[in-house]
Structures are given as structure tokens and as C-alpha cells.
Amino acid sequence: MNDQNFFLLTGKRVELAKAELNALVKSYHPDAKLKSLSERVSVIYGQCDLKKITSRSACVKYAGHLLSLSKVTGFDLNGHFRNYRRFACKLVNLSKKYVDMEPLQQLGKYIKEKSPWMQVSLDNPDVTVLYIVTDNGAIVGLSEYNGAKLGNVRNRPYFHPVVLEPHLSRIMVNLTMVKENGLLLDPFCGTGSIILEAATMNIRTIGCDLSSKMCYGSIANTGTVDTLIINCDALSLPLQTRDIDAIVTDLPYGRAASTMKRPAKELLKEFVSLINDEMKGKRCCVMCRKGDEQLFDNIVEAYDIYVHRSLTRKLMVLCN
């Protein structure tokens, strides 16, 4: 019988969250089957390195073994609690209706009955059992891994008004399916958000920027992280692009961006040419101003990213 595990996603950017999870599963477990039970709950059938996927994801809140797809009692515990002594049960209501607490109480009593050495500890459990209710039904899952804790851009040594938040940076990296020790390039690295997130996932990184000020800012922000920052024109790179496994970048826009007075359209057209010529068969993830995506070919995924009332950006996954 195949292993069955679940992922509970955060409620932030749900469409992107599902796309990120799908990319990570395909990258590490191409033979596994991922099934979405609701916008925020997915079940994976087959072998899966939950720790790896959860530690990389920006959007997974909880992950663990799926105990039951419907019942709160009567399911086989399969020895999942033998290494634990204290547990807690938690209700996660994702439905639009009120959920009675009685099923949660029944769940707790059932676990105590089948694993009598287990003690209830709401403050300091060894493991938490989730009773997740959606509009389509309910599942019971053993929460074994919590989502990665991401940093805050305000806590970095160098801050700039045009900065990509860690949550979105990490999603963009994961959408390319680049793995550990792969080489990722951000040709418009700015303050280093993308390369910082990639490097913390043990991906080799190169960041480029035409602004020396931005390069110094990236160096300050990445700190002791092993990465290479180059002060150069991203469209005339002093390196062999054939060795690059993925390109991830947030294209410059607006008055505060480091375009060095070069027309944004000119930069965009040259960048499109670079991707088409040099990244055959490889995945890229690019953020641009909505409307500019028309210049790109081979878009396999696209998402709208709301910034404020007068600005919506377009996030795209490209594969030539």
C-alpha cells in the first residue's frame, strides 16, 4: 500500500501556493500523485520526503502522515505514536460553517484508547493530531513538520523601497524546480532577496546588478551566505550561461529601480532575447509589469501579483 501524506497550505496567495507545492513534488518525487482536496489541503500518494519539501516551501504550514480521509475513529494507527508520549488534538476549520467540537473529543479518546501510554498535553505535546475540516469533507493527519520560518526584509542591513519579500522570492525559486547544488542566476538582483532565499536552500547563486550601490546592499544582506555578486550589465554577463540551471528575477520597474536610466522596454526586450537564446530546456521564473508578459514566449504558468491599487505585476514561469 502506498504511503499517504498530507500538506496544509497557508492562506496566503493560495493559487501560487498550490503551484509551488506541485513544482516541489514533481522535482523530488515525479512518480508520486498529488491530489488537491481543497484550496489549502492536498494529499500525496507514494513516497515523499516531507521534511525536504516542507523546509523548502514558503507556503506549507503543516505536513505529515494522513491517518484518515473521513472518520475520526476506527482507523488504523499503524504504530505512528510509538515514539511519542504526549499529544494534542487541534481543529483546523477551513469550511464556511460552524464545526462542533465533539468529533475532536472523540478523536482524542480514540487515540488514548489505542495508545494508552499517550498523555494529553495541550501546552507541550510531542506531536499534534490535526482534524482538518473543509467544505468537501474532513481529514485526520499527524502533523510532523511545520513550515519554514522566513525572515523580514525590515531586519536586513540594507533596505530599499523596491524589494521583493522573502515569501514571494522563495516561491519563485521553487517554481523553477532547481535543486540543491544547482546554479541559479538573478541578473537584476537588487537587494539580494532572491539569491538569499535560494542560497539558504543550498542552491548555488550568482547575482548581478548594474548599480554598485545595489551590489553592496546585496553583499550586506547575504552576509556569510555563500554567493557571488557581480557589478555588471545583466545583458552582457561575464560568465558562461550554459552552466546556469535556472534564472529567477524581478525585472526593474518604477522610479526607485536600478535601471540606470535605461528605458525599461529596452531592458525587457534584451532580457527576453537572452532567455530565448541561452536557456533552452531550462525553467525561468520572472516578475514583470502586467502587460509586458506579451513580449515573452513559452510561458507555461502565469499569475497576477497585486501590489497596490494602481499596480499589478505578472509572475511567469518560462520554459524554452
Protein backbone atom coordinates (compact mmCIF):
# COMPACT_ATOMS: atom_id res chain seq x y z
CA MET A 1 0.00 0.00 0.00
CA ASN A 2 1.35 3.43 -0.90
CA ASP A 3 2.27 5.96 1.76
CA GLN A 4 -0.30 8.67 2.20
CA ASN A 5 0.72 12.09 3.48
CA PHE A 6 -0.94 15.48 3.60
CA PHE A 7 0.03 19.12 3.23
CA LEU A 8 -1.88 22.01 4.77
CA LEU A 9 -1.03 25.27 2.99
CA THR A 10 -1.10 28.75 4.42
CA GLY A 11 -3.92 31.02 3.30
CA LYS A 12 -1.55 33.44 1.57
CA ARG A 13 -1.59 33.53 -2.27
CA VAL A 14 -3.42 30.20 -2.47
CA GLU A 15 -3.06 29.74 -6.25
CA LEU A 16 0.69 30.31 -6.06
CA ALA A 17 0.95 28.08 -3.00
CA LYS A 18 -0.59 25.15 -4.89
CA ALA A 19 1.71 25.77 -7.85
CA GLU A 20 4.78 25.83 -5.60
CA LEU A 21 3.80 22.57 -3.89
CA ASN A 22 3.19 20.93 -7.26
CA ALA A 23 6.61 22.06 -8.52
CA LEU A 24 8.41 20.73 -5.43
CA VAL A 25 6.65 17.36 -5.59
CA LYS A 26 7.38 16.99 -9.31
CA SER A 27 11.01 17.93 -8.74
CA TYR A 28 11.72 15.45 -5.93
CA HIS A 29 9.05 12.77 -6.45
CA PRO A 30 7.95 12.70 -10.11
CA ASP A 31 6.19 9.35 -9.66
CA ALA A 32 4.11 10.46 -6.68
CA LYS A 33 0.48 11.51 -7.15
CA LEU A 34 -0.64 14.81 -5.65
CA LYS A 35 -4.37 15.30 -5.15
CA SER A 36 -5.98 18.54 -4.03
CA LEU A 37 -8.82 18.04 -1.54
CA SER A 38 -9.48 21.76 -1.17
CA GLU A 39 -7.70 25.04 -1.89
CA ARG A 40 -5.41 24.54 1.10
CA VAL A 41 -5.30 20.77 1.65
CA SER A 42 -3.51 18.28 -0.60
CA VAL A 43 -2.76 14.59 -0.23
CA ILE A 44 0.24 12.88 -1.78
CA TYR A 45 0.23 9.17 -2.60
CA GLY A 46 3.61 7.48 -2.80
CA GLN A 47 6.98 8.00 -1.18
CA CYS A 48 7.64 11.61 -0.20
CA ASP A 49 10.39 13.40 1.70
CA LEU A 50 8.09 15.60 3.77
CA LYS A 51 10.97 17.23 5.63
CA LYS A 52 12.66 18.31 2.41
CA ILE A 53 9.54 19.74 0.79
CA THR A 54 8.33 21.47 3.94
CA SER A 55 11.71 23.06 4.65
CA ARG A 56 11.88 24.44 1.11
CA SER A 57 8.31 25.61 0.74
CA ALA A 58 7.20 29.15 1.50
CA CYS A 59 3.56 28.02 1.67
CA VAL A 60 3.31 24.76 3.60
CA LYS A 61 2.01 25.31 7.14
CA TYR A 62 1.83 21.69 8.33
CA ALA A 63 2.73 18.35 6.77
CA GLY A 64 2.59 14.78 7.97
CA HIS A 65 1.06 11.33 7.71
CA LEU A 66 -2.56 11.07 6.67
CA LEU A 67 -4.41 8.98 9.28
CA SER A 68 -7.95 9.14 7.91
CA LEU A 69 -9.80 10.67 4.98
CA SER A 70 -13.17 10.76 6.70
CA LYS A 71 -13.51 9.01 10.07
CA VAL A 72 -12.33 10.40 13.43
CA THR A 73 -12.32 6.90 14.96
CA GLY A 74 -11.88 3.34 13.70
CA PHE A 75 -8.81 3.99 11.54
CA ASP A 76 -5.54 2.09 11.87
CA LEU A 77 -2.85 3.98 13.81
CA ASN A 78 -0.10 1.70 12.37
CA GLY A 79 2.23 2.38 15.29
CA HIS A 80 2.60 6.06 14.43
CA PHE A 81 2.51 7.04 18.10
CA ARG A 82 5.01 4.54 19.49
CA ASN A 83 7.82 7.12 19.69
CA TYR A 84 5.67 9.76 21.37
CA ARG A 85 4.44 10.23 24.93
CA ARG A 86 2.38 13.44 24.82
CA PHE A 87 -0.12 14.58 22.21
CA ALA A 88 -2.68 17.27 21.46
CA CYS A 89 -5.62 17.39 19.04
CA LYS A 90 -6.28 20.56 17.09
CA LEU A 91 -9.23 21.62 14.97
CA VAL A 92 -8.49 23.45 11.72
CA ASN A 93 -11.74 24.72 10.28
CA LEU A 94 -11.35 25.72 6.62
CA SER A 95 -15.06 25.47 5.89
CA LYS A 96 -17.67 28.22 5.83
CA LYS A 97 -19.70 26.64 8.60
CA TYR A 98 -19.52 26.18 12.35
CA VAL A 99 -17.86 22.91 13.40
CA ASP A 100 -18.88 21.13 16.58
CA MET A 101 -16.04 20.13 18.94
CA GLU A 102 -17.44 16.65 19.65
CA PRO A 103 -15.54 14.91 16.79
CA LEU A 104 -12.31 16.39 18.15
CA GLN A 105 -13.08 14.97 21.60
CA GLN A 106 -13.88 11.58 20.06
CA LEU A 107 -10.56 11.68 18.23
CA GLY A 108 -8.64 12.32 21.45
CA LYS A 109 -10.41 9.48 23.26
CA TYR A 110 -9.73 7.09 20.38
CA ILE A 111 -6.00 7.84 20.37
CA LYS A 112 -5.86 7.33 24.16
CA GLU A 113 -7.73 4.03 23.81
CA LYS A 114 -5.42 2.65 21.09
CA SER A 115 -2.22 4.14 22.55
CA PRO A 116 -2.77 4.06 26.33
CA TRP A 117 0.73 5.33 27.15
CA MET A 118 -0.07 8.63 25.46
CA GLN A 119 -0.93 11.62 27.66
CA VAL A 120 -2.80 14.73 26.57
CA SER A 121 -0.62 17.84 26.73
CA LEU A 122 -2.01 20.97 25.14
CA ASP A 123 0.98 23.12 26.17
CA ASN A 124 3.89 20.80 25.36
CA PRO A 125 2.88 17.93 23.04
CA ASP A 126 5.40 15.68 21.32
CA VAL A 127 3.03 15.52 18.37
CA THR A 128 -0.17 17.25 17.25
CA VAL A 129 -3.05 15.48 15.54
CA LEU A 130 -4.98 17.77 13.21
CA TYR A 131 -8.68 17.45 12.48
CA ILE A 132 -9.00 19.49 9.29
CA VAL A 133 -12.50 20.34 8.11
CA THR A 134 -13.12 21.69 4.61
CA ASP A 135 -16.26 22.32 2.57
CA ASN A 136 -15.59 18.96 0.85
CA GLY A 137 -15.16 16.84 3.98
CA ALA A 138 -12.62 16.26 6.73
CA ILE A 139 -9.27 14.54 7.26
CA VAL A 140 -7.22 13.50 10.26
CA GLY A 141 -3.47 13.99 9.97
CA LEU A 142 -0.41 13.60 12.13
CA SER A 143 1.41 16.95 11.97
CA GLU A 144 5.10 16.03 11.81
CA TYR A 145 6.63 19.10 10.14
CA ASN A 146 5.94 22.81 10.38
CA GLY A 147 6.55 25.30 7.60
CA ALA A 148 9.81 27.20 7.17
CA LYS A 149 10.19 30.47 9.07
CA LEU A 150 11.04 33.27 6.66
CA GLY A 151 12.84 36.48 7.50
CA ASN A 152 11.61 40.07 7.42
CA VAL A 153 13.14 42.49 4.91
CA ARG A 154 12.98 45.24 7.56
CA ASN A 155 15.50 43.33 9.65
CA ARG A 156 18.13 43.23 6.89
CA PRO A 157 21.20 45.53 6.99
CA TYR A 158 20.25 47.19 3.70
CA PHE A 159 16.68 48.17 2.81
CA HIS A 160 15.32 49.61 -0.43
CA PRO A 161 11.75 50.66 -1.33
CA VAL A 162 11.66 48.26 -4.28
CA VAL A 163 12.29 44.96 -2.52
CA LEU A 164 10.85 41.50 -3.07
CA GLU A 165 9.52 39.89 0.10
CA PRO A 166 11.06 36.54 1.19
CA HIS A 167 7.74 34.69 0.73
CA LEU A 168 7.49 35.58 -2.96
CA SER A 169 11.24 35.19 -3.55
CA ARG A 170 11.20 31.62 -2.27
CA ILE A 171 8.11 30.71 -4.29
CA MET A 172 9.76 31.98 -7.47
CA VAL A 173 12.89 29.91 -6.81
CA ASN A 174 10.85 26.77 -6.16
CA LEU A 175 8.74 27.21 -9.30
CA THR A 176 11.89 26.67 -11.40
CA MET A 177 12.36 23.19 -9.83
CA VAL A 178 16.05 23.89 -9.29
CA LYS A 179 17.57 21.50 -6.73
CA GLU A 180 20.39 21.69 -4.22
CA ASN A 181 23.79 22.46 -5.77
CA GLY A 182 22.10 23.69 -8.93
CA LEU A 183 23.21 27.10 -10.20
CA LEU A 184 20.71 29.95 -10.13
CA LEU A 185 21.20 33.39 -11.66
CA ASP A 186 19.39 36.60 -10.74
CA PRO A 187 20.52 39.12 -13.38
CA PHE A 188 18.76 42.04 -11.64
CA CYS A 189 19.46 41.03 -8.05
CA GLY A 190 18.82 44.42 -6.37
CA THR A 191 18.99 43.95 -2.61
CA GLY A 192 19.53 40.18 -2.93
CA SER A 193 16.12 38.81 -1.87
CA ILE A 194 16.02 36.01 -4.44
CA ILE A 195 19.62 34.87 -4.12
CA LEU A 196 19.37 34.95 -0.32
CA GLU A 197 16.35 32.62 -0.32
CA ALA A 198 17.94 30.32 -2.90
CA ALA A 199 21.24 30.14 -1.02
CA THR A 200 19.50 29.19 2.23
CA MET A 201 18.12 26.18 0.31
CA ASN A 202 21.68 25.13 -0.61
CA ILE A 203 21.37 26.32 -4.20
CA ARG A 204 24.46 27.91 -5.70
CA THR A 205 23.71 31.50 -6.64
CA ILE A 206 25.02 34.37 -8.76
CA GLY A 207 23.54 37.84 -8.51
CA CYS A 208 24.21 40.69 -10.92
CA ASP A 209 23.25 44.35 -10.85
CA LEU A 210 24.29 47.40 -12.82
CA SER A 211 24.17 49.55 -9.69
CA SER A 212 27.23 49.29 -7.45
CA LYS A 213 25.10 50.55 -4.56
CA MET A 214 22.70 47.64 -5.02
CA CYS A 215 25.60 45.19 -5.18
CA TYR A 216 26.96 46.47 -1.88
CA GLY A 217 23.46 46.17 -0.45
CA SER A 218 23.20 42.56 -1.65
CA ILE A 219 26.55 41.71 -0.10
CA ALA A 220 25.41 43.21 3.21
CA ASN A 221 22.11 41.34 3.15
CA THR A 222 23.50 37.95 2.16
CA GLY A 223 26.20 38.22 4.83
CA THR A 224 28.02 34.92 5.32
CA VAL A 225 25.83 33.10 2.77
CA ASP A 226 27.96 31.61 0.00
CA THR A 227 27.03 33.54 -3.14
CA LEU A 228 28.67 35.55 -5.91
CA ILE A 229 27.64 39.16 -6.52
CA ILE A 230 28.82 40.81 -9.75
CA ASN A 231 28.53 44.52 -10.54
CA CYS A 232 27.83 44.28 -14.27
CA ASP A 233 25.28 44.69 -17.04
CA ALA A 234 22.96 41.70 -16.78
CA LEU A 235 22.68 41.62 -20.57
CA SER A 236 26.46 41.29 -21.04
CA LEU A 237 27.27 38.71 -18.41
CA PRO A 238 30.95 37.85 -17.78
CA LEU A 239 30.17 34.14 -17.37
CA GLN A 240 29.11 31.04 -19.30
CA THR A 241 25.33 30.90 -19.23
CA ARG A 242 25.29 27.26 -20.34
CA ASP A 243 26.22 26.31 -16.74
CA ILE A 244 23.17 28.06 -15.30
CA ASP A 245 20.30 25.79 -14.28
CA ALA A 246 17.66 28.47 -13.66
CA ILE A 247 17.08 32.21 -13.91
CA VAL A 248 14.88 33.89 -11.32
CA THR A 249 14.45 37.66 -11.33
CA ASP A 250 12.20 40.59 -10.55
CA LEU A 251 12.59 42.90 -13.55
CA PRO A 252 13.29 46.55 -12.64
CA TYR A 253 10.38 48.96 -12.78
CA GLY A 254 9.43 52.36 -11.38
CA ARG A 255 11.48 55.35 -10.34
CA ALA A 256 13.29 53.61 -7.49
CA ALA A 257 14.50 50.64 -9.55
CA SER A 258 18.13 50.34 -10.65
CA THR A 259 17.73 50.69 -14.41
CA MET A 260 20.44 53.39 -14.51
CA LYS A 261 18.17 55.50 -16.76
CA ARG A 262 17.95 52.80 -19.42
CA PRO A 263 14.43 52.52 -20.88
CA ALA A 264 12.58 49.67 -19.20
CA LYS A 265 11.24 48.42 -22.54
CA GLU A 266 14.75 48.20 -23.95
CA LEU A 267 15.92 46.18 -20.94
CA LEU A 268 12.95 43.89 -21.22
CA LYS A 269 13.40 43.14 -24.92
CA GLU A 270 17.11 42.36 -24.49
CA PHE A 271 16.35 40.17 -21.47
CA VAL A 272 13.76 38.20 -23.45
CA SER A 273 16.37 37.63 -26.16
CA LEU A 274 18.87 36.41 -23.54
CA ILE A 275 16.43 33.85 -22.14
CA ASN A 276 15.39 32.60 -25.58
CA ASP A 277 18.99 32.17 -26.73
CA GLU A 278 20.71 30.86 -23.61
CA MET A 279 18.16 28.94 -21.52
CA LYS A 280 16.97 26.22 -23.88
CA GLY A 281 15.20 23.45 -21.97
CA LYS A 282 15.58 25.19 -18.61
CA ARG A 283 12.98 26.86 -16.39
CA CYS A 284 12.97 30.54 -15.55
CA CYS A 285 10.71 32.50 -13.22
CA VAL A 286 10.28 36.18 -14.00
CA MET A 287 8.27 39.00 -12.48
CA CYS A 288 7.35 41.93 -14.70
CA ARG A 289 4.78 44.69 -15.01
CA LYS A 290 1.40 43.37 -16.11
CA GLY A 291 1.09 43.82 -19.86
CA ASP A 292 4.79 43.27 -20.52
CA GLU A 293 4.31 39.50 -20.46
CA GLN A 294 3.21 39.76 -24.09
CA LEU A 295 6.89 40.04 -25.05
CA PHE A 296 7.69 36.60 -23.62
CA ASP A 297 7.41 33.28 -25.42
CA ASN A 298 6.96 29.84 -23.90
CA ILE A 299 5.02 30.88 -20.80
CA VAL A 300 3.94 27.69 -19.02
CA GLU A 301 2.45 29.33 -15.92
CA ALA A 302 1.33 32.89 -15.17
CA TYR A 303 -0.10 34.59 -12.07
CA ASP A 304 -1.23 38.10 -11.21
CA ILE A 305 0.51 39.65 -8.18
CA TYR A 306 -1.41 42.56 -6.69
CA VAL A 307 0.92 45.27 -5.33
CA HIS A 308 -1.40 48.23 -4.81
CA ARG A 309 -4.43 49.86 -6.40
CA SER A 310 -2.54 51.18 -9.42
CA LEU A 311 -0.04 48.33 -9.86
CA THR A 312 -0.48 44.63 -10.56
CA ARG A 313 2.53 42.59 -11.61
CA LYS A 314 2.76 39.36 -13.58
CA LEU A 315 4.72 36.35 -12.34
CA MET A 316 5.60 33.88 -15.09
CA VAL A 317 7.29 30.51 -15.36
CA LEU A 318 9.04 30.10 -18.70
CA CYS A 319 10.49 27.01 -20.33
CA ASN A 320 12.06 27.13 -23.80
